[in-house]
Amino acid sequence: MRLCVDVPQFDTNPDHAVTAPVGELVRDLRKARGLTLQSLADAIGRSVGYVSQIERNLSVISIPVLKEIADALGVSINWFFQGAALAPLHERDYIVRRENRRRLDFTGTGMVEELMSPNLTGAFELILGTFESGAHTSDEKYARPGEVGGFVVSGAVELAIGEQTFSLRSGDAFTYPSSEPHRCWNDGSEPAVVLWVVSPPSY
């Protein structure tokens, strides 16, 4: 189910980027759509209590669940992936400065992702993911069309692709079709940083 409603009161000017926990962004967009908690819960097949906890930043929200919410609210998941991404006009389509990365904090997961691509109009996107100890992309493996590659910048992660699980450490790289069920997590005691290349862009 996809609920598409025009929301003229939302400011989409990239110079007016909003920084807020994901739950608050979900709540604000739901209210702007004129939807109740029950409507959103029904649309994603979850309980009202669970959606309420997400909106109050009391519950973990994984990438697949956030994608379901984005689809139900009629937006790209990129809507939630925003921050102080201010850049000079002549750099905006080419360069992402360290201080202007757009961040997405997944409440309670210990995972932070930063968009390294200046926009999402190309064939792929770059994402820098930081996994704290015990952090993971999702509770279960998930799949979507496209292809994924990556490079472990620091630390170590476990990567499950289909029926196989690989232990990766700093300096290791990987690629796989994202149509194969997959999941990534950090079992170590130190944070891990992974640079992801995702095609087509999904945020």
Protein backbone atom coordinates (compact mmCIF):
# COMPACT_ATOMS: atom_id res chain seq x y z
CA MET A 1 0.00 0.00 0.00
CA ARG A 2 1.39 3.41 -0.94
CA LEU A 3 -0.24 6.57 0.34
CA CYS A 4 0.59 9.53 -1.91
CA VAL A 5 -0.62 12.96 -0.85
CA ASP A 6 0.72 16.36 -1.85
CA VAL A 7 2.34 18.12 1.08
CA PRO A 8 2.84 21.75 0.08
CA GLN A 9 3.65 22.81 3.64
CA PHE A 10 6.89 20.80 3.59
CA ASP A 11 9.97 22.82 2.68
CA THR A 12 12.04 20.83 0.17
CA ASN A 13 14.64 23.52 -0.37
CA PRO A 14 18.05 21.81 0.10
CA ASP A 15 19.37 24.96 1.76
CA HIS A 16 16.78 24.46 4.53
CA ALA A 17 17.87 20.97 5.54
CA VAL A 18 16.52 19.56 8.81
CA THR A 19 18.53 17.70 11.43
CA ALA A 20 16.38 15.49 13.67
CA PRO A 21 16.23 11.89 14.89
CA VAL A 22 14.57 9.58 12.36
CA GLY A 23 11.55 9.01 14.61
CA GLU A 24 10.73 12.72 14.70
CA LEU A 25 10.97 12.90 10.92
CA VAL A 26 8.57 9.95 10.59
CA ARG A 27 6.11 11.61 12.97
CA ASP A 28 6.28 15.00 11.26
CA LEU A 29 5.80 13.54 7.78
CA ARG A 30 2.93 11.32 8.93
CA LYS A 31 1.15 14.31 10.45
CA ALA A 32 1.76 16.37 7.32
CA ARG A 33 0.14 13.58 5.32
CA GLY A 34 -2.89 13.83 7.60
CA LEU A 35 -2.52 10.20 8.68
CA THR A 36 -3.17 8.66 12.07
CA LEU A 37 -0.79 6.29 13.82
CA GLN A 38 -3.28 3.52 13.04
CA SER A 39 -3.25 4.33 9.32
CA LEU A 40 0.53 4.16 9.12
CA ALA A 41 0.66 1.01 11.24
CA ASP A 42 -1.89 -0.67 8.99
CA ALA A 43 0.01 0.39 5.86
CA ILE A 44 3.24 -1.28 7.02
CA GLY A 45 1.64 -4.22 8.80
CA ARG A 46 2.89 -3.27 12.26
CA SER A 47 1.25 -2.44 15.59
CA VAL A 48 0.28 1.08 16.61
CA GLY A 49 2.46 0.72 19.68
CA TYR A 50 5.51 -0.12 17.57
CA VAL A 51 5.01 2.88 15.27
CA SER A 52 4.46 5.12 18.29
CA GLN A 53 7.74 3.92 19.82
CA ILE A 54 9.56 4.61 16.53
CA GLU A 55 8.19 8.15 16.43
CA ARG A 56 9.32 8.76 20.01
CA ASN A 57 12.77 7.29 19.26
CA LEU A 58 12.19 4.52 21.78
CA SER A 59 12.40 1.59 19.39
CA VAL A 60 15.07 0.33 17.00
CA ILE A 61 14.27 1.09 13.36
CA SER A 62 16.05 -0.99 10.73
CA ILE A 63 16.66 -0.15 7.09
CA PRO A 64 13.90 -2.50 5.80
CA VAL A 65 11.33 -1.04 8.23
CA LEU A 66 12.32 2.52 7.34
CA LYS A 67 11.90 1.59 3.67
CA GLU A 68 8.39 0.28 4.41
CA ILE A 69 7.52 3.53 6.19
CA ALA A 70 8.91 5.61 3.32
CA ASP A 71 6.88 3.62 0.79
CA ALA A 72 3.73 3.96 2.91
CA LEU A 73 4.21 7.72 3.19
CA GLY A 74 4.82 8.12 -0.53
CA VAL A 75 8.41 9.34 -0.35
CA SER A 76 11.87 8.02 -1.14
CA ILE A 77 13.79 6.79 1.89
CA ASN A 78 16.15 9.67 1.05
CA TRP A 79 13.60 12.04 2.60
CA PHE A 80 14.77 10.86 6.02
CA PHE A 81 18.43 10.99 4.99
CA GLN A 82 19.08 14.66 5.44
CA GLY A 83 21.18 16.94 7.59
CA ALA A 84 23.34 20.04 7.31
CA ALA A 85 24.28 19.30 3.70
CA LEU A 86 25.11 22.83 2.69
CA ALA A 87 27.57 23.32 -0.14
CA PRO A 88 28.54 26.09 -2.54
CA LEU A 89 26.39 25.96 -5.66
CA HIS A 90 29.33 25.17 -7.97
CA GLU A 91 30.28 22.12 -5.84
CA ARG A 92 26.80 20.77 -5.14
CA ASP A 93 26.70 18.15 -7.91
CA TYR A 94 30.33 17.08 -7.61
CA ILE A 95 31.82 17.39 -4.12
CA VAL A 96 30.80 16.30 -0.62
CA ARG A 97 32.86 18.04 2.04
CA ARG A 98 33.43 16.22 5.34
CA GLU A 99 31.36 18.76 7.27
CA ASN A 100 28.46 18.59 4.81
CA ARG A 101 27.76 14.88 4.79
CA ARG A 102 24.10 13.99 5.23
CA ARG A 103 23.68 11.64 8.20
CA LEU A 104 21.11 9.03 9.08
CA ASP A 105 21.13 7.78 12.67
CA PHE A 106 19.21 4.55 13.22
CA THR A 107 17.76 4.88 16.70
CA GLY A 108 19.03 2.24 19.08
CA THR A 109 20.99 0.24 16.50
CA GLY A 110 24.46 1.68 17.07
CA MET A 111 24.69 2.34 13.34
CA VAL A 112 25.22 5.68 11.61
CA GLU A 113 25.32 6.15 7.86
CA GLU A 114 26.66 9.17 5.98
CA LEU A 115 25.81 9.85 2.36
CA MET A 116 29.06 10.44 0.47
CA SER A 117 27.42 11.07 -2.91
CA PRO A 118 26.48 14.66 -3.74
CA ASN A 119 23.14 13.52 -5.14
CA LEU A 120 21.16 10.37 -5.94
CA THR A 121 20.60 10.91 -9.65
CA GLY A 122 23.49 8.73 -10.83
CA ALA A 123 23.89 4.99 -11.31
CA PHE A 124 25.23 4.38 -7.79
CA GLU A 125 25.60 5.92 -4.34
CA LEU A 126 28.41 6.01 -1.79
CA ILE A 127 27.58 5.52 1.89
CA LEU A 128 29.99 5.53 4.83
CA GLY A 129 28.60 3.27 7.53
CA THR A 130 29.86 3.17 11.11
CA PHE A 131 28.94 0.07 13.12
CA GLU A 132 29.39 0.22 16.87
CA SER A 133 30.04 -3.08 18.66
CA GLY A 134 26.95 -5.27 18.22
CA ALA A 135 25.41 -3.06 15.51
CA HIS A 136 23.80 -4.61 12.43
CA THR A 137 21.97 -3.60 9.28
CA SER A 138 18.85 -5.61 10.20
CA ASP A 139 17.66 -8.48 12.39
CA GLU A 140 17.20 -10.72 9.36
CA LYS A 141 18.69 -10.93 5.89
CA TYR A 142 16.86 -8.90 3.25
CA ALA A 143 17.05 -8.44 -0.51
CA ARG A 144 16.33 -5.84 -3.18
CA PRO A 145 17.22 -5.39 -6.86
CA GLY A 146 20.68 -4.13 -7.74
CA GLU A 147 24.29 -4.64 -6.75
CA VAL A 148 26.35 -3.76 -3.70
CA GLY A 149 30.08 -3.34 -3.21
CA GLY A 150 32.10 -2.21 -0.25
CA PHE A 151 35.44 -1.63 1.42
CA VAL A 152 36.15 -2.13 5.12
CA VAL A 153 37.92 1.08 6.13
CA SER A 154 38.57 0.06 9.74
CA GLY A 155 37.57 -2.60 12.23
CA ALA A 156 35.93 -5.88 11.26
CA VAL A 157 32.44 -7.00 10.23
CA GLU A 158 30.55 -10.18 9.43
CA LEU A 159 28.77 -10.26 6.06
CA ALA A 160 26.10 -12.86 5.31
CA ILE A 161 25.21 -13.36 1.64
CA GLY A 162 22.72 -16.11 0.89
CA GLU A 163 23.81 -19.16 2.87
CA GLN A 164 27.41 -18.00 3.35
CA THR A 165 28.94 -15.78 6.04
CA PHE A 166 32.26 -13.98 5.56
CA SER A 167 34.53 -12.39 8.18
CA LEU A 168 35.97 -9.15 6.80
CA ARG A 169 38.65 -6.92 8.29
CA SER A 170 40.24 -3.57 7.49
CA GLY A 171 41.43 -3.49 3.87
CA ASP A 172 39.01 -6.19 2.62
CA ALA A 173 36.55 -5.46 -0.20
CA PHE A 174 33.42 -7.22 -1.45
CA THR A 175 30.67 -7.17 -4.08
CA TYR A 176 27.42 -9.10 -4.39
CA PRO A 177 24.04 -8.90 -6.11
CA SER A 178 21.68 -7.36 -3.58
CA SER A 179 18.92 -9.63 -4.85
CA GLU A 180 20.62 -12.29 -2.68
CA PRO A 181 19.43 -12.07 0.93
CA HIS A 182 22.14 -10.31 2.93
CA ARG A 183 22.99 -8.85 6.31
CA CYS A 184 26.04 -7.17 7.87
CA TRP A 185 26.98 -6.82 11.53
CA ASN A 186 29.83 -6.06 13.93
CA ASP A 187 30.62 -8.82 16.43
CA GLY A 188 33.83 -7.17 17.59
CA SER A 189 34.52 -4.91 20.56
CA GLU A 190 35.65 -1.96 18.43
CA PRO A 191 33.67 0.20 15.97
CA ALA A 192 33.87 -0.74 12.29
CA VAL A 193 33.66 1.60 9.30
CA VAL A 194 32.54 0.39 5.87
CA LEU A 195 32.35 2.37 2.62
CA TRP A 196 29.39 1.03 0.64
CA VAL A 197 28.75 1.36 -3.10
CA VAL A 198 25.10 0.73 -3.89
CA SER A 199 23.54 0.51 -7.36
CA PRO A 200 20.96 1.72 -8.07
CA PRO A 201 20.78 4.35 -5.30
CA SER A 202 18.31 3.29 -2.62
CA TYR A 203 18.41 6.23 -0.18
